Amino acid sequence: MKILVTGASGFVGNNICKYFSKLTDYEVIGISRSGNHKLKDIKYIEADISNSENIELLHNNIDSVDIIV
């Protein structure tokens, strides 16, 4: 199952990424505006989801997602 976490470099998003990355059934993709990525084993994408060009970039780089947080 794929989970997409917005705000992945922030306090809440980072902890959500940590939690789901420990579970074997989840592939975690983190999105954040900053390049401050703290965790290994997580695919990070630096993007601002309030920018329509970045939304198109995400759409082109991610096949499908089961959960968005």
N, C-alpha and C. Protein backbone atom coordinates (compact mmCIF):
# COMPACT_ATOMS: atom_id res chain seq x y z
N MET A 1 0.84 -1.17 0.00
CA MET A 1 0.00 0.00 0.00
C MET A 1 0.89 1.23 0.00
N LYS A 2 0.57 2.21 -0.83
CA LYS A 2 1.33 3.46 -0.90
C LYS A 2 0.65 4.54 -0.10
N ILE A 3 1.47 5.26 0.70
CA ILE A 3 0.96 6.38 1.46
C ILE A 3 1.76 7.62 1.07
N LEU A 4 1.06 8.69 0.76
CA LEU A 4 1.67 9.96 0.40
C LEU A 4 1.50 10.91 1.58
N VAL A 5 2.61 11.40 2.12
CA VAL A 5 2.57 12.27 3.30
C VAL A 5 2.99 13.66 2.88
N THR A 6 2.08 14.62 2.99
CA THR A 6 2.42 16.02 2.72
C THR A 6 3.02 16.62 3.98
N GLY A 7 3.91 17.58 3.81
CA GLY A 7 4.57 18.18 4.96
C GLY A 7 5.51 17.21 5.65
N ALA A 8 6.17 16.37 4.87
CA ALA A 8 6.98 15.27 5.42
C ALA A 8 8.20 15.72 6.20
N SER A 9 8.65 16.96 6.01
CA SER A 9 9.82 17.41 6.77
C SER A 9 9.42 18.13 8.06
N GLY A 10 8.14 18.33 8.27
CA GLY A 10 7.67 18.95 9.50
C GLY A 10 7.53 17.94 10.63
N PHE A 11 7.17 18.42 11.80
CA PHE A 11 7.10 17.56 12.98
C PHE A 11 6.08 16.43 12.82
N VAL A 12 4.87 16.78 12.46
CA VAL A 12 3.81 15.77 12.35
C VAL A 12 4.07 14.85 11.16
N GLY A 13 4.35 15.44 10.00
CA GLY A 13 4.60 14.64 8.80
C GLY A 13 5.78 13.70 8.95
N ASN A 14 6.84 14.17 9.59
CA ASN A 14 8.01 13.34 9.80
C ASN A 14 7.68 12.14 10.69
N ASN A 15 6.89 12.36 11.73
CA ASN A 15 6.51 11.26 12.62
C ASN A 15 5.57 10.28 11.94
N ILE A 16 4.71 10.76 11.08
CA ILE A 16 3.85 9.86 10.30
C ILE A 16 4.71 9.01 9.36
N CYS A 17 5.69 9.64 8.72
CA CYS A 17 6.60 8.89 7.85
C CYS A 17 7.36 7.83 8.63
N LYS A 18 7.86 8.18 9.80
CA LYS A 18 8.58 7.21 10.64
C LYS A 18 7.70 6.01 10.97
N TYR A 19 6.47 6.30 11.38
CA TYR A 19 5.55 5.24 11.79
C TYR A 19 5.29 4.27 10.64
N PHE A 20 4.89 4.80 9.49
CA PHE A 20 4.52 3.94 8.37
C PHE A 20 5.73 3.27 7.72
N SER A 21 6.91 3.89 7.81
CA SER A 21 8.09 3.28 7.21
C SER A 21 8.52 2.03 7.98
N LYS A 22 8.13 1.92 9.24
CA LYS A 22 8.45 0.73 10.04
C LYS A 22 7.53 -0.45 9.72
N LEU A 23 6.40 -0.16 9.12
CA LEU A 23 5.45 -1.22 8.75
C LEU A 23 5.81 -1.76 7.38
N THR A 24 5.84 -3.06 7.25
CA THR A 24 6.32 -3.67 6.01
C THR A 24 5.32 -3.56 4.85
N ASP A 25 4.07 -3.30 5.16
CA ASP A 25 3.05 -3.27 4.10
C ASP A 25 2.93 -1.92 3.39
N TYR A 26 3.74 -0.94 3.79
CA TYR A 26 3.58 0.42 3.27
C TYR A 26 4.82 0.90 2.55
N GLU A 27 4.58 1.56 1.42
CA GLU A 27 5.63 2.32 0.74
C GLU A 27 5.30 3.79 1.01
N VAL A 28 6.24 4.52 1.59
CA VAL A 28 5.99 5.90 1.99
C VAL A 28 6.65 6.85 1.01
N ILE A 29 5.87 7.83 0.56
CA ILE A 29 6.36 8.91 -0.29
C ILE A 29 6.11 10.20 0.48
N GLY A 30 7.17 10.97 0.73
CA GLY A 30 7.03 12.21 1.46
C GLY A 30 7.18 13.42 0.55
N ILE A 31 6.32 14.40 0.75
CA ILE A 31 6.38 15.64 -0.01
C ILE A 31 6.61 16.78 0.97
N SER A 32 7.55 17.65 0.62
CA SER A 32 7.76 18.85 1.45
C SER A 32 8.32 19.97 0.59
N ARG A 33 8.11 21.19 1.06
CA ARG A 33 8.65 22.35 0.34
C ARG A 33 10.15 22.50 0.58
N SER A 34 10.61 22.08 1.75
CA SER A 34 12.04 22.22 2.06
C SER A 34 12.78 20.95 1.70
N GLY A 35 14.08 21.06 1.58
CA GLY A 35 14.89 19.90 1.29
C GLY A 35 15.42 19.23 2.54
N ASN A 36 14.77 19.48 3.67
CA ASN A 36 15.23 18.96 4.95
C ASN A 36 14.64 17.57 5.19
N HIS A 37 15.22 16.57 4.55
CA HIS A 37 14.69 15.22 4.62
C HIS A 37 15.52 14.40 5.59
N LYS A 38 14.86 13.84 6.57
CA LYS A 38 15.55 13.24 7.70
C LYS A 38 15.62 11.72 7.67
N LEU A 39 14.78 11.07 6.93
CA LEU A 39 14.67 9.62 7.02
C LEU A 39 15.15 8.92 5.75
N LYS A 40 15.79 7.78 5.94
CA LYS A 40 16.14 6.92 4.81
C LYS A 40 14.94 6.03 4.50
N ASP A 41 15.02 5.32 3.43
CA ASP A 41 13.98 4.34 3.04
C ASP A 41 12.65 4.99 2.69
N ILE A 42 12.64 6.28 2.48
CA ILE A 42 11.42 6.98 2.08
C ILE A 42 11.74 7.79 0.83
N LYS A 43 10.88 7.69 -0.15
CA LYS A 43 11.05 8.50 -1.35
C LYS A 43 10.56 9.91 -1.04
N TYR A 44 11.43 10.89 -1.19
CA TYR A 44 11.05 12.28 -0.94
C TYR A 44 10.94 13.03 -2.25
N ILE A 45 9.96 13.91 -2.30
CA ILE A 45 9.79 14.79 -3.44
C ILE A 45 9.69 16.20 -2.89
N GLU A 46 10.56 17.07 -3.39
CA GLU A 46 10.52 18.47 -2.96
C GLU A 46 9.55 19.21 -3.88
N ALA A 47 8.43 19.63 -3.31
CA ALA A 47 7.40 20.30 -4.10
C ALA A 47 6.48 21.10 -3.19
N ASP A 48 5.92 22.15 -3.74
CA ASP A 48 4.92 22.97 -3.04
C ASP A 48 3.57 22.62 -3.64
N ILE A 49 2.72 21.97 -2.85
CA ILE A 49 1.44 21.50 -3.41
C ILE A 49 0.44 22.63 -3.65
N SER A 50 0.78 23.85 -3.26
CA SER A 50 -0.10 24.98 -3.59
C SER A 50 0.23 25.54 -4.97
N ASN A 51 1.25 25.01 -5.62
CA ASN A 51 1.66 25.43 -6.95
C ASN A 51 1.17 24.41 -7.97
N SER A 52 0.37 24.85 -8.92
CA SER A 52 -0.23 23.93 -9.89
C SER A 52 0.81 23.20 -10.74
N GLU A 53 1.94 23.83 -11.03
CA GLU A 53 2.99 23.16 -11.79
C GLU A 53 3.57 21.99 -11.00
N ASN A 54 3.69 22.16 -9.69
CA ASN A 54 4.19 21.07 -8.85
C ASN A 54 3.19 19.93 -8.77
N ILE A 55 1.91 20.24 -8.79
CA ILE A 55 0.89 19.19 -8.77
C ILE A 55 1.01 18.34 -10.04
N GLU A 56 1.24 18.98 -11.16
CA GLU A 56 1.42 18.23 -12.40
C GLU A 56 2.68 17.38 -12.33
N LEU A 57 3.75 17.90 -11.76
CA LEU A 57 4.98 17.14 -11.57
C LEU A 57 4.72 15.90 -10.73
N LEU A 58 3.98 16.06 -9.64
CA LEU A 58 3.64 14.92 -8.78
C LEU A 58 2.81 13.90 -9.55
N HIS A 59 1.85 14.40 -10.30
CA HIS A 59 0.97 13.52 -11.08
C HIS A 59 1.79 12.69 -12.07
N ASN A 60 2.81 13.29 -12.64
CA ASN A 60 3.64 12.59 -13.64
C ASN A 60 4.64 11.63 -12.99
N ASN A 61 5.00 11.83 -11.72
CA ASN A 61 6.03 11.02 -11.08
C ASN A 61 5.51 9.97 -10.11
N ILE A 62 4.24 9.99 -9.81
CA ILE A 62 3.67 9.01 -8.89
C ILE A 62 2.57 8.26 -9.61
N ASP A 63 2.70 6.94 -9.67
CA ASP A 63 1.72 6.13 -10.39
C ASP A 63 0.35 6.15 -9.73
N SER A 64 0.32 5.74 -8.49
CA SER A 64 -0.94 5.71 -7.74
C SER A 64 -0.64 5.78 -6.25
N VAL A 65 -1.62 6.21 -5.50
CA VAL A 65 -1.48 6.33 -4.04
C VAL A 65 -2.76 5.80 -3.42
N ASP A 66 -2.61 5.06 -2.32
CA ASP A 66 -3.78 4.54 -1.63
C ASP A 66 -4.27 5.47 -0.52
N ILE A 67 -3.33 6.15 0.15
CA ILE A 67 -3.66 7.03 1.27
C ILE A 67 -2.89 8.33 1.12
N ILE A 68 -3.56 9.46 1.35
CA ILE A 68 -2.90 10.76 1.37
C ILE A 68 -3.12 11.36 2.76
N VAL A 69 -2.00 11.77 3.38
CA VAL A 69 -2.06 12.40 4.70
C VAL A 69 -1.50 13.79 4.58
